[in-house]
Amino acid sequence: MATATLLLAARSRFAVAALPDEVARALGRAERSEHAAGEGAQLQRHFRVQGASTTLDAADATAMPAAALTRQLDAGDAAGHVWLRADPAHMVPDMHGARMMGHGDTLRPSHEDAVALLPDLQPVFAEHGLHLDAPVASRWYLRVPDDMPLPVFASPDDVLGDDLFSHLPSGVEGRRWRALLTETQVVLHSHPWNAQRIAQGLSPINSLWFWGAGRLPQSVATPHAQVRSRDALLRALATAAGVQVDGEQSVDALVDLRPLRSLEQLASQAIAPLLLALRRGELQRLVLDFEDGVQFAFQRSQRWQIWKKPRQLHD
């Protein structure tokens, strides 16, 4: 019998609002558990990645080798190299420094953008033994020498909208990457192609963001038989694990709803229909997994626990 796990953003990302009575009652009867918070820790609850060690693992045990995984998905040539994402980004200056206001897909980059910008950026990285290319318009990559020590890089989702300075790579290893970031910004700031993007109503690509360093894992495993997501990293993990990606849900499925921010939409369009399937016996188990580490597990037998009080999501 099928089970469903919903992968969700941190509860703080949802506006505080009352759940429908039916959902609140079910949430009060659900089994609550707490786990490590953060995107990396959340993914590690569902995927076991082995043999992806890098020089930065000791500093960030939850880091996923996102660049190598998505590189394999995009180009099929990730094996045997260390990879780093160098995604197109849009930075906006403010009183205290700068903020990232867009990256990757959110900038709607095109193949033409990559063709226009990469030739002027590639020599900057070639001087350091780094090769820059873009097999997909929104995902740019650096192939890194095996012996180059790497700092901890922040995920762009953690940086978006925040003060850029607090997320720059630190320490001796980070010095090279801070300098490279500055050099790329100088090249892109005055690039005539960005004037065309602005004329088309698009944000300029005036920076890159480095993240996701690592090697392709030796193996990826998951307890789920199916993953449903538009996210490239999640699709790459599912592909590496050899499980079904998308399709009709008829098996144990991990459903990625992390972009969702409306509590009303989550309750009415996702949770309520799955609770109905649970009551009908069409679903064996439902799990809500939030990025802040809180999980709620629902089972059909919980409907008899009528003494338990309703619960709201932020309780």
C-alpha atoms as a PDB file:
ATOM      1  CA  MET A   1       0.000   0.000   0.000  1.00  0.00           C
ATOM      2  CA  ALA A   2       1.291   3.481  -0.882  1.00  0.00           C
ATOM      3  CA  THR A   3       2.747   5.956   1.572  1.00  0.00           C
ATOM      4  CA  ALA A   4       3.387   9.662   0.980  1.00  0.00           C
ATOM      5  CA  THR A   5       6.006  12.003   2.413  1.00  0.00           C
ATOM      6  CA  LEU A   6       5.666  15.727   1.764  1.00  0.00           C
ATOM      7  CA  LEU A   7       8.946  17.642   1.728  1.00  0.00           C
ATOM      8  CA  LEU A   8       8.141  21.127   3.011  1.00  0.00           C
ATOM      9  CA  ALA A   9       9.779  24.468   3.792  1.00  0.00           C
ATOM     10  CA  ALA A  10      10.389  25.461   7.409  1.00  0.00           C
ATOM     11  CA  ARG A  11       7.170  26.203   9.283  1.00  0.00           C
ATOM     12  CA  SER A  12       8.316  29.815   9.773  1.00  0.00           C
ATOM     13  CA  ARG A  13       8.002  30.306   5.996  1.00  0.00           C
ATOM     14  CA  PHE A  14       4.226  29.857   6.279  1.00  0.00           C
ATOM     15  CA  ALA A  15       2.146  32.765   7.558  1.00  0.00           C
ATOM     16  CA  VAL A  16       0.496  32.059  10.894  1.00  0.00           C
ATOM     17  CA  ALA A  17      -3.095  31.067  10.117  1.00  0.00           C
ATOM     18  CA  ALA A  18      -5.696  28.654  11.449  1.00  0.00           C
ATOM     19  CA  LEU A  19      -5.875  25.250   9.816  1.00  0.00           C
ATOM     20  CA  PRO A  20      -9.244  23.800   8.791  1.00  0.00           C
ATOM     21  CA  ASP A  21     -10.805  21.895  11.711  1.00  0.00           C
ATOM     22  CA  GLU A  22     -10.379  18.510  10.056  1.00  0.00           C
ATOM     23  CA  VAL A  23      -6.661  19.068   9.428  1.00  0.00           C
ATOM     24  CA  ALA A  24      -6.092  20.550  12.915  1.00  0.00           C
ATOM     25  CA  ARG A  25      -7.725  17.490  14.537  1.00  0.00           C
ATOM     26  CA  ALA A  26      -5.582  15.121  12.478  1.00  0.00           C
ATOM     27  CA  LEU A  27      -2.441  17.111  13.284  1.00  0.00           C
ATOM     28  CA  GLY A  28      -3.242  16.860  17.001  1.00  0.00           C
ATOM     29  CA  ARG A  29      -3.411  13.067  16.729  1.00  0.00           C
ATOM     30  CA  ALA A  30      -0.314  12.746  14.529  1.00  0.00           C
ATOM     31  CA  GLU A  31       3.005  11.515  15.870  1.00  0.00           C
ATOM     32  CA  ARG A  32       5.368  14.473  16.169  1.00  0.00           C
ATOM     33  CA  SER A  33       9.161  14.090  16.059  1.00  0.00           C
ATOM     34  CA  GLU A  34      12.083  16.518  15.867  1.00  0.00           C
ATOM     35  CA  HIS A  35      15.215  16.174  13.776  1.00  0.00           C
ATOM     36  CA  ALA A  36      18.147  18.308  12.639  1.00  0.00           C
ATOM     37  CA  ALA A  37      17.152  21.513  10.858  1.00  0.00           C
ATOM     38  CA  GLY A  38      18.407  22.795   7.519  1.00  0.00           C
ATOM     39  CA  GLU A  39      18.156  21.891   3.848  1.00  0.00           C
ATOM     40  CA  GLY A  40      21.105  19.486   3.939  1.00  0.00           C
ATOM     41  CA  ALA A  41      19.850  17.666   7.021  1.00  0.00           C
ATOM     42  CA  GLN A  42      16.369  17.424   5.512  1.00  0.00           C
ATOM     43  CA  LEU A  43      17.680  15.817   2.334  1.00  0.00           C
ATOM     44  CA  GLN A  44      19.835  13.427   4.343  1.00  0.00           C
ATOM     45  CA  ARG A  45      16.705  12.133   6.061  1.00  0.00           C
ATOM     46  CA  HIS A  46      15.606  10.785   2.692  1.00  0.00           C
ATOM     47  CA  PHE A  47      18.828  10.054   0.809  1.00  0.00           C
ATOM     48  CA  ARG A  48      21.916   8.191   1.988  1.00  0.00           C
ATOM     49  CA  VAL A  49      24.903   9.479   0.041  1.00  0.00           C
ATOM     50  CA  GLN A  50      28.164   7.513   0.260  1.00  0.00           C
ATOM     51  CA  GLY A  51      31.622   8.153  -1.115  1.00  0.00           C
ATOM     52  CA  ALA A  52      31.231  11.880  -1.838  1.00  0.00           C
ATOM     53  CA  SER A  53      33.948  13.173   0.502  1.00  0.00           C
ATOM     54  CA  THR A  54      35.550  16.548  -0.187  1.00  0.00           C
ATOM     55  CA  THR A  55      37.968  18.778   1.625  1.00  0.00           C
ATOM     56  CA  LEU A  56      35.065  20.619   3.218  1.00  0.00           C
ATOM     57  CA  ASP A  57      33.143  17.676   4.679  1.00  0.00           C
ATOM     58  CA  ALA A  58      34.631  18.036   8.156  1.00  0.00           C
ATOM     59  CA  ALA A  59      33.386  21.606   8.321  1.00  0.00           C
ATOM     60  CA  ASP A  60      29.890  20.897   7.031  1.00  0.00           C
ATOM     61  CA  ALA A  61      28.705  17.350   7.616  1.00  0.00           C
ATOM     62  CA  THR A  62      25.295  18.027   6.023  1.00  0.00           C
ATOM     63  CA  ALA A  63      26.698  19.387   2.734  1.00  0.00           C
ATOM     64  CA  MET A  64      25.387  17.608  -0.345  1.00  0.00           C
ATOM     65  CA  PRO A  65      27.665  17.374  -3.404  1.00  0.00           C
ATOM     66  CA  ALA A  66      24.960  19.210  -5.331  1.00  0.00           C
ATOM     67  CA  ALA A  67      27.218  20.317  -8.174  1.00  0.00           C
ATOM     68  CA  ALA A  68      28.438  16.810  -9.022  1.00  0.00           C
ATOM     69  CA  LEU A  69      24.946  15.328  -8.744  1.00  0.00           C
ATOM     70  CA  THR A  70      23.278  17.896 -10.985  1.00  0.00           C
ATOM     71  CA  ARG A  71      26.264  17.871 -13.364  1.00  0.00           C
ATOM     72  CA  GLN A  72      25.691  14.148 -13.876  1.00  0.00           C
ATOM     73  CA  LEU A  73      22.013  14.841 -14.515  1.00  0.00           C
ATOM     74  CA  ASP A  74      22.788  17.664 -16.966  1.00  0.00           C
ATOM     75  CA  ALA A  75      25.860  16.369 -18.800  1.00  0.00           C
ATOM     76  CA  GLY A  76      26.616  12.814 -17.654  1.00  0.00           C
ATOM     77  CA  ASP A  77      30.346  13.536 -17.177  1.00  0.00           C
ATOM     78  CA  ALA A  78      30.666  14.219 -13.435  1.00  0.00           C
ATOM     79  CA  ALA A  79      32.616  11.078 -12.506  1.00  0.00           C
ATOM     80  CA  GLY A  80      36.257  11.507 -11.566  1.00  0.00           C
ATOM     81  CA  HIS A  81      36.225  15.262 -10.892  1.00  0.00           C
ATOM     82  CA  VAL A  82      35.425  17.782  -8.159  1.00  0.00           C
ATOM     83  CA  TRP A  83      32.613  20.116  -9.216  1.00  0.00           C
ATOM     84  CA  LEU A  84      31.325  23.451  -8.000  1.00  0.00           C
ATOM     85  CA  ARG A  85      28.204  25.277  -9.100  1.00  0.00           C
ATOM     86  CA  ALA A  86      28.853  28.843 -10.303  1.00  0.00           C
ATOM     87  CA  ASP A  87      25.286  29.894 -10.994  1.00  0.00           C
ATOM     88  CA  PRO A  88      24.319  33.219 -12.588  1.00  0.00           C
ATOM     89  CA  ALA A  89      23.099  35.652  -9.950  1.00  0.00           C
ATOM     90  CA  HIS A  90      21.723  39.156  -9.534  1.00  0.00           C
ATOM     91  CA  MET A  91      23.092  41.307  -6.723  1.00  0.00           C
ATOM     92  CA  VAL A  92      21.638  44.635  -5.590  1.00  0.00           C
ATOM     93  CA  PRO A  93      23.691  47.131  -3.543  1.00  0.00           C
ATOM     94  CA  ASP A  94      22.222  48.573  -0.351  1.00  0.00           C
ATOM     95  CA  MET A  95      23.379  50.768   2.534  1.00  0.00           C
ATOM     96  CA  HIS A  96      25.340  47.966   4.181  1.00  0.00           C
ATOM     97  CA  GLY A  97      26.773  46.157   1.147  1.00  0.00           C
ATOM     98  CA  ALA A  98      24.793  43.990  -1.260  1.00  0.00           C
ATOM     99  CA  ARG A  99      22.015  41.411  -1.377  1.00  0.00           C
ATOM    100  CA  MET A 100      21.309  38.533  -3.725  1.00  0.00           C
ATOM    101  CA  MET A 101      17.899  39.100  -5.282  1.00  0.00           C
ATOM    102  CA  GLY A 102      17.911  36.305  -7.839  1.00  0.00           C
ATOM    103  CA  HIS A 103      19.874  33.263  -8.967  1.00  0.00           C
ATOM    104  CA  GLY A 104      19.639  30.379 -11.419  1.00  0.00           C
ATOM    105  CA  ASP A 105      16.132  29.732 -12.711  1.00  0.00           C
ATOM    106  CA  THR A 106      14.670  32.832 -11.056  1.00  0.00           C
ATOM    107  CA  LEU A 107      16.674  35.007 -13.488  1.00  0.00           C
ATOM    108  CA  ARG A 108      15.253  33.160 -16.516  1.00  0.00           C
ATOM    109  CA  PRO A 109      18.690  32.810 -18.122  1.00  0.00           C
ATOM    110  CA  SER A 110      18.823  31.603 -21.712  1.00  0.00           C
ATOM    111  CA  HIS A 111      21.308  29.693 -23.815  1.00  0.00           C
ATOM    112  CA  GLU A 112      22.107  33.028 -25.484  1.00  0.00           C
ATOM    113  CA  ASP A 113      23.064  34.492 -22.091  1.00  0.00           C
ATOM    114  CA  ALA A 114      25.607  31.734 -21.555  1.00  0.00           C
ATOM    115  CA  VAL A 115      27.003  32.092 -25.086  1.00  0.00           C
ATOM    116  CA  ALA A 116      27.428  35.851 -24.602  1.00  0.00           C
ATOM    117  CA  LEU A 117      28.878  35.876 -21.080  1.00  0.00           C
ATOM    118  CA  LEU A 118      30.968  32.725 -20.703  1.00  0.00           C
ATOM    119  CA  PRO A 119      33.785  33.654 -23.122  1.00  0.00           C
ATOM    120  CA  ASP A 120      34.614  36.737 -21.028  1.00  0.00           C
ATOM    121  CA  LEU A 121      34.372  34.857 -17.731  1.00  0.00           C
ATOM    122  CA  GLN A 122      36.275  31.691 -18.621  1.00  0.00           C
ATOM    123  CA  PRO A 123      39.771  33.319 -18.698  1.00  0.00           C
ATOM    124  CA  VAL A 124      39.245  34.620 -15.140  1.00  0.00           C
ATOM    125  CA  PHE A 125      38.892  31.045 -13.889  1.00  0.00           C
ATOM    126  CA  ALA A 126      41.379  29.445 -16.286  1.00  0.00           C
ATOM    127  CA  GLU A 127      44.191  31.376 -14.561  1.00  0.00           C
ATOM    128  CA  HIS A 128      43.413  29.327 -11.430  1.00  0.00           C
ATOM    129  CA  GLY A 129      43.131  25.990 -13.219  1.00  0.00           C
ATOM    130  CA  LEU A 130      39.337  26.090 -13.188  1.00  0.00           C
ATOM    131  CA  HIS A 131      37.109  25.272 -16.159  1.00  0.00           C
ATOM    132  CA  LEU A 132      33.764  27.076 -16.440  1.00  0.00           C
ATOM    133  CA  ASP A 133      30.896  25.892 -18.624  1.00  0.00           C
ATOM    134  CA  ALA A 134      27.102  25.803 -18.732  1.00  0.00           C
ATOM    135  CA  PRO A 135      25.420  22.643 -20.073  1.00  0.00           C
ATOM    136  CA  VAL A 136      22.110  24.121 -18.833  1.00  0.00           C
ATOM    137  CA  ALA A 137      21.361  27.843 -19.023  1.00  0.00           C
ATOM    138  CA  SER A 138      20.483  28.179 -15.332  1.00  0.00           C
ATOM    139  CA  ARG A 139      23.182  25.858 -13.954  1.00  0.00           C
ATOM    140  CA  TRP A 140      26.799  26.848 -14.538  1.00  0.00           C
ATOM    141  CA  TYR A 141      29.707  24.688 -13.365  1.00  0.00           C
ATOM    142  CA  LEU A 142      33.365  24.875 -12.405  1.00  0.00           C
ATOM    143  CA  ARG A 143      35.582  21.808 -12.684  1.00  0.00           C
ATOM    144  CA  VAL A 144      38.005  22.103  -9.771  1.00  0.00           C
ATOM    145  CA  PRO A 145      41.517  20.589  -9.534  1.00  0.00           C
ATOM    146  CA  ASP A 146      41.605  17.591  -7.197  1.00  0.00           C
ATOM    147  CA  ASP A 147      44.226  19.144  -4.907  1.00  0.00           C
ATOM    148  CA  MET A 148      42.558  22.544  -4.462  1.00  0.00           C
ATOM    149  CA  PRO A 149      41.338  23.027  -0.862  1.00  0.00           C
ATOM    150  CA  LEU A 150      37.811  24.408  -0.690  1.00  0.00           C
ATOM    151  CA  PRO A 151      35.994  26.452   1.960  1.00  0.00           C
ATOM    152  CA  VAL A 152      32.389  25.970   3.016  1.00  0.00           C
ATOM    153  CA  PHE A 153      30.033  27.571   0.482  1.00  0.00           C
ATOM    154  CA  ALA A 154      26.532  28.760   1.373  1.00  0.00           C
ATOM    155  CA  SER A 155      23.511  27.496  -0.537  1.00  0.00           C
ATOM    156  CA  PRO A 156      21.932  30.257  -2.664  1.00  0.00           C
ATOM    157  CA  ASP A 157      18.583  29.602  -0.985  1.00  0.00           C
ATOM    158  CA  ASP A 158      20.183  30.609   2.329  1.00  0.00           C
ATOM    159  CA  VAL A 159      21.673  33.754   0.783  1.00  0.00           C
ATOM    160  CA  LEU A 160      18.665  34.972  -1.213  1.00  0.00           C
ATOM    161  CA  GLY A 161      17.478  38.339   0.095  1.00  0.00           C
ATOM    162  CA  ASP A 162      20.067  38.413   2.879  1.00  0.00           C
ATOM    163  CA  ASP A 163      23.224  40.442   3.434  1.00  0.00           C
ATOM    164  CA  LEU A 164      25.790  39.001   1.027  1.00  0.00           C
ATOM    165  CA  PHE A 165      28.828  39.703   3.197  1.00  0.00           C
ATOM    166  CA  SER A 166      27.730  37.333   5.969  1.00  0.00           C
ATOM    167  CA  HIS A 167      27.601  34.408   3.514  1.00  0.00           C
ATOM    168  CA  LEU A 168      30.925  34.833   1.711  1.00  0.00           C
ATOM    169  CA  PRO A 169      33.389  31.930   2.071  1.00  0.00           C
ATOM    170  CA  SER A 170      35.723  32.588   4.991  1.00  0.00           C
ATOM    171  CA  GLY A 171      39.237  31.664   6.098  1.00  0.00           C
ATOM    172  CA  VAL A 172      42.392  31.193   4.082  1.00  0.00           C
ATOM    173  CA  GLU A 173      40.657  28.891   1.580  1.00  0.00           C
ATOM    174  CA  GLY A 174      37.875  31.436   1.116  1.00  0.00           C
ATOM    175  CA  ARG A 175      40.220  34.263   0.114  1.00  0.00           C
ATOM    176  CA  ARG A 176      40.663  32.948  -3.438  1.00  0.00           C
ATOM    177  CA  TRP A 177      36.899  32.645  -3.920  1.00  0.00           C
ATOM    178  CA  ARG A 178      36.131  36.094  -2.561  1.00  0.00           C
ATOM    179  CA  ALA A 179      38.652  37.504  -5.051  1.00  0.00           C
ATOM    180  CA  LEU A 180      37.155  35.462  -7.905  1.00  0.00           C
ATOM    181  CA  LEU A 181      33.689  36.691  -6.994  1.00  0.00           C
ATOM    182  CA  THR A 182      34.914  40.289  -7.208  1.00  0.00           C
ATOM    183  CA  GLU A 183      36.620  39.681 -10.561  1.00  0.00           C
ATOM    184  CA  THR A 184      33.509  38.137 -12.076  1.00  0.00           C
ATOM    185  CA  GLN A 185      31.391  41.030 -10.843  1.00  0.00           C
ATOM    186  CA  VAL A 186      33.759  43.507 -12.513  1.00  0.00           C
ATOM    187  CA  VAL A 187      33.496  41.613 -15.824  1.00  0.00           C
ATOM    188  CA  LEU A 188      29.716  41.327 -15.655  1.00  0.00           C
ATOM    189  CA  HIS A 189      28.955  44.833 -14.374  1.00  0.00           C
ATOM    190  CA  SER A 190      30.109  46.490 -17.588  1.00  0.00           C
ATOM    191  CA  HIS A 191      29.188  43.706 -20.000  1.00  0.00           C
ATOM    192  CA  PRO A 192      27.062  45.026 -22.912  1.00  0.00           C
ATOM    193  CA  TRP A 193      24.922  41.882 -22.894  1.00  0.00           C
ATOM    194  CA  ASN A 194      23.391  42.921 -19.589  1.00  0.00           C
ATOM    195  CA  ALA A 195      22.129  46.127 -21.200  1.00  0.00           C
ATOM    196  CA  GLN A 196      20.111  43.927 -23.570  1.00  0.00           C
ATOM    197  CA  ARG A 197      18.683  41.947 -20.659  1.00  0.00           C
ATOM    198  CA  ILE A 198      17.648  45.152 -18.903  1.00  0.00           C
ATOM    199  CA  ALA A 199      16.027  46.424 -22.140  1.00  0.00           C
ATOM    200  CA  GLN A 200      14.012  43.193 -22.232  1.00  0.00           C
ATOM    201  CA  GLY A 201      12.772  43.791 -18.677  1.00  0.00           C
ATOM    202  CA  LEU A 202      15.093  41.149 -17.173  1.00  0.00           C
ATOM    203  CA  SER A 203      17.447  41.529 -14.238  1.00  0.00           C
ATOM    204  CA  PRO A 204      21.113  41.734 -15.226  1.00  0.00           C
ATOM    205  CA  ILE A 205      23.371  38.779 -14.512  1.00  0.00           C
ATOM    206  CA  ASN A 206      25.942  40.774 -12.539  1.00  0.00           C
ATOM    207  CA  SER A 207      27.509  38.049 -10.399  1.00  0.00           C
ATOM    208  CA  LEU A 208      27.977  34.333  -9.926  1.00  0.00           C
ATOM    209  CA  TRP A 209      27.385  32.277  -6.800  1.00  0.00           C
ATOM    210  CA  PHE A 210      29.641  29.366  -5.871  1.00  0.00           C
ATOM    211  CA  TRP A 211      28.119  26.447  -3.983  1.00  0.00           C
ATOM    212  CA  GLY A 212      27.530  22.687  -3.832  1.00  0.00           C
ATOM    213  CA  ALA A 213      31.164  21.502  -4.008  1.00  0.00           C
ATOM    214  CA  GLY A 214      31.994  17.808  -4.108  1.00  0.00           C
ATOM    215  CA  ARG A 215      32.520  14.632  -6.083  1.00  0.00           C
ATOM    216  CA  LEU A 216      29.918  12.339  -7.552  1.00  0.00           C
ATOM    217  CA  PRO A 217      28.899   9.872  -4.801  1.00  0.00           C
ATOM    218  CA  GLN A 218      29.760   6.207  -5.149  1.00  0.00           C
ATOM    219  CA  SER A 219      26.161   5.396  -4.283  1.00  0.00           C
ATOM    220  CA  VAL A 220      22.863   7.058  -3.390  1.00  0.00           C
ATOM    221  CA  ALA A 221      20.052   5.186  -1.652  1.00  0.00           C
ATOM    222  CA  THR A 222      16.553   6.162  -0.575  1.00  0.00           C
ATOM    223  CA  PRO A 223      13.661   4.327   1.097  1.00  0.00           C
ATOM    224  CA  HIS A 224      11.266   5.944  -1.371  1.00  0.00           C
ATOM    225  CA  ALA A 225      10.243   4.250  -4.596  1.00  0.00           C
ATOM    226  CA  GLN A 226       9.308   7.504  -6.314  1.00  0.00           C
ATOM    227  CA  VAL A 227      10.305  11.182  -6.155  1.00  0.00           C
ATOM    228  CA  ARG A 228       8.090  13.928  -7.532  1.00  0.00           C
ATOM    229  CA  SER A 229       9.873  17.265  -7.862  1.00  0.00           C
ATOM    230  CA  ARG A 230      10.917  19.994 -10.276  1.00  0.00           C
ATOM    231  CA  ASP A 231      14.079  20.666  -8.279  1.00  0.00           C
ATOM    232  CA  ALA A 232      17.226  19.627 -10.167  1.00  0.00           C
ATOM    233  CA  LEU A 233      19.103  18.389  -7.079  1.00  0.00           C
ATOM    234  CA  LEU A 234      16.215  16.249  -5.883  1.00  0.00           C
ATOM    235  CA  ARG A 235      15.747  14.802  -9.369  1.00  0.00           C
ATOM    236  CA  ALA A 236      19.485  14.127  -9.557  1.00  0.00           C
ATOM    237  CA  LEU A 237      19.420  12.312  -6.211  1.00  0.00           C
ATOM    238  CA  ALA A 238      16.442  10.230  -7.305  1.00  0.00           C
ATOM    239  CA  THR A 239      18.103   9.373 -10.610  1.00  0.00           C
ATOM    240  CA  ALA A 240      21.328   8.393  -8.843  1.00  0.00           C
ATOM    241  CA  ALA A 241      19.307   6.200  -6.473  1.00  0.00           C
ATOM    242  CA  GLY A 242      17.604   4.510  -9.421  1.00  0.00           C
ATOM    243  CA  VAL A 243      14.038   5.330  -8.382  1.00  0.00           C
ATOM    244  CA  GLN A 244      11.113   6.590 -10.421  1.00  0.00           C
ATOM    245  CA  VAL A 245      10.961  10.339 -11.031  1.00  0.00           C
ATOM    246  CA  ASP A 246       7.465  11.838 -11.323  1.00  0.00           C
ATOM    247  CA  GLY A 247       4.547   9.854 -12.742  1.00  0.00           C
ATOM    248  CA  GLU A 248       1.333   8.820 -10.997  1.00  0.00           C
ATOM    249  CA  GLN A 249       1.703   8.228  -7.255  1.00  0.00           C
ATOM    250  CA  SER A 250       1.034   4.566  -6.611  1.00  0.00           C
ATOM    251  CA  VAL A 251       4.025   3.646  -4.444  1.00  0.00           C
ATOM    252  CA  ASP A 252       5.995   5.085  -1.537  1.00  0.00           C
ATOM    253  CA  ALA A 253       6.551   8.623  -2.824  1.00  0.00           C
ATOM    254  CA  LEU A 254       8.531  11.666  -1.719  1.00  0.00           C
ATOM    255  CA  VAL A 255       6.668  14.745  -2.954  1.00  0.00           C
ATOM    256  CA  ASP A 256       8.576  18.027  -3.039  1.00  0.00           C
ATOM    257  CA  LEU A 257       6.371  20.941  -1.967  1.00  0.00           C
ATOM    258  CA  ARG A 258       9.157  23.174  -0.614  1.00  0.00           C
ATOM    259  CA  PRO A 259       8.280  26.133  -2.884  1.00  0.00           C
ATOM    260  CA  LEU A 260       4.798  26.267  -1.306  1.00  0.00           C
ATOM    261  CA  ARG A 261       4.255  29.198   1.088  1.00  0.00           C
ATOM    262  CA  SER A 262       0.456  29.308   1.434  1.00  0.00           C
ATOM    263  CA  LEU A 263      -0.786  27.429   4.499  1.00  0.00           C
ATOM    264  CA  GLU A 264      -4.314  27.462   3.105  1.00  0.00           C
ATOM    265  CA  GLN A 265      -3.121  25.872  -0.134  1.00  0.00           C
ATOM    266  CA  LEU A 266      -1.032  23.293   1.718  1.00  0.00           C
ATOM    267  CA  ALA A 267      -3.966  22.291   3.904  1.00  0.00           C
ATOM    268  CA  SER A 268      -6.711  22.242   1.254  1.00  0.00           C
ATOM    269  CA  GLN A 269      -4.842  20.972  -1.810  1.00  0.00           C
ATOM    270  CA  ALA A 270      -2.272  18.626  -0.262  1.00  0.00           C
ATOM    271  CA  ILE A 271      -2.965  17.528   3.308  1.00  0.00           C
ATOM    272  CA  ALA A 272      -6.770  17.229   3.232  1.00  0.00           C
ATOM    273  CA  PRO A 273      -6.933  15.011   0.090  1.00  0.00           C
ATOM    274  CA  LEU A 274      -4.198  12.752   1.478  1.00  0.00           C
ATOM    275  CA  LEU A 275      -5.982  12.474   4.836  1.00  0.00           C
ATOM    276  CA  LEU A 276      -9.097  11.397   2.913  1.00  0.00           C
ATOM    277  CA  ALA A 277      -7.038   8.758   1.084  1.00  0.00           C
ATOM    278  CA  LEU A 278      -5.712   7.628   4.472  1.00  0.00           C
ATOM    279  CA  ARG A 279      -9.244   7.226   5.874  1.00  0.00           C
ATOM    280  CA  ARG A 280     -10.320   5.255   2.797  1.00  0.00           C
ATOM    281  CA  GLY A 281      -7.383   2.905   3.188  1.00  0.00           C
ATOM    282  CA  GLU A 282      -5.856   4.018  -0.127  1.00  0.00           C
ATOM    283  CA  LEU A 283      -2.832   5.371   1.709  1.00  0.00           C
ATOM    284  CA  GLN A 284      -1.018   3.617   4.527  1.00  0.00           C
ATOM    285  CA  ARG A 285       0.944   6.519   5.999  1.00  0.00           C
ATOM    286  CA  LEU A 286       1.412  10.261   5.489  1.00  0.00           C
ATOM    287  CA  VAL A 287       4.453  12.206   6.705  1.00  0.00           C
ATOM    288  CA  LEU A 288       4.961  15.976   6.715  1.00  0.00           C
ATOM    289  CA  ASP A 289       8.695  16.766   6.821  1.00  0.00           C
ATOM    290  CA  PHE A 290       9.541  20.435   7.452  1.00  0.00           C
ATOM    291  CA  GLU A 291      12.976  21.969   6.851  1.00  0.00           C
ATOM    292  CA  ASP A 292      13.106  23.154  10.479  1.00  0.00           C
ATOM    293  CA  GLY A 293      13.341  19.487  11.485  1.00  0.00           C
ATOM    294  CA  VAL A 294       9.774  18.904  12.690  1.00  0.00           C
ATOM    295  CA  GLN A 295       7.920  15.887  11.293  1.00  0.00           C
ATOM    296  CA  PHE A 296       4.289  14.840  11.660  1.00  0.00           C
ATOM    297  CA  ALA A 297       3.356  11.222  10.859  1.00  0.00           C
ATOM    298  CA  PHE A 298      -0.302  10.296  10.217  1.00  0.00           C
ATOM    299  CA  GLN A 299      -1.741   6.776  10.268  1.00  0.00           C
ATOM    300  CA  ARG A 300      -5.303   5.523   9.889  1.00  0.00           C
ATOM    301  CA  SER A 301      -5.442   4.109  13.415  1.00  0.00           C
ATOM    302  CA  GLN A 302      -5.005   7.606  14.889  1.00  0.00           C
ATOM    303  CA  ARG A 303      -8.621   8.489  14.064  1.00  0.00           C
ATOM    304  CA  TRP A 304      -9.690   6.702  17.275  1.00  0.00           C
ATOM    305  CA  GLN A 305      -7.540   8.991  19.463  1.00  0.00           C
ATOM    306  CA  ILE A 306     -10.421  11.405  19.958  1.00  0.00           C
ATOM    307  CA  TRP A 307      -9.130  12.613  23.344  1.00  0.00           C
ATOM    308  CA  LYS A 308      -6.205  14.443  21.732  1.00  0.00           C
ATOM    309  CA  LYS A 309      -6.664  18.161  21.175  1.00  0.00           C
ATOM    310  CA  PRO A 310      -6.430  19.804  17.736  1.00  0.00           C
ATOM    311  CA  ARG A 311      -3.069  21.357  16.910  1.00  0.00           C
ATOM    312  CA  GLN A 312      -2.007  24.230  14.700  1.00  0.00           C
ATOM    313  CA  LEU A 313       1.074  24.036  12.499  1.00  0.00           C
ATOM    314  CA  HIS A 314       3.142  26.526  14.510  1.00  0.00           C
ATOM    315  CA  ASP A 315       2.333  24.976  17.921  1.00  0.00           C
END
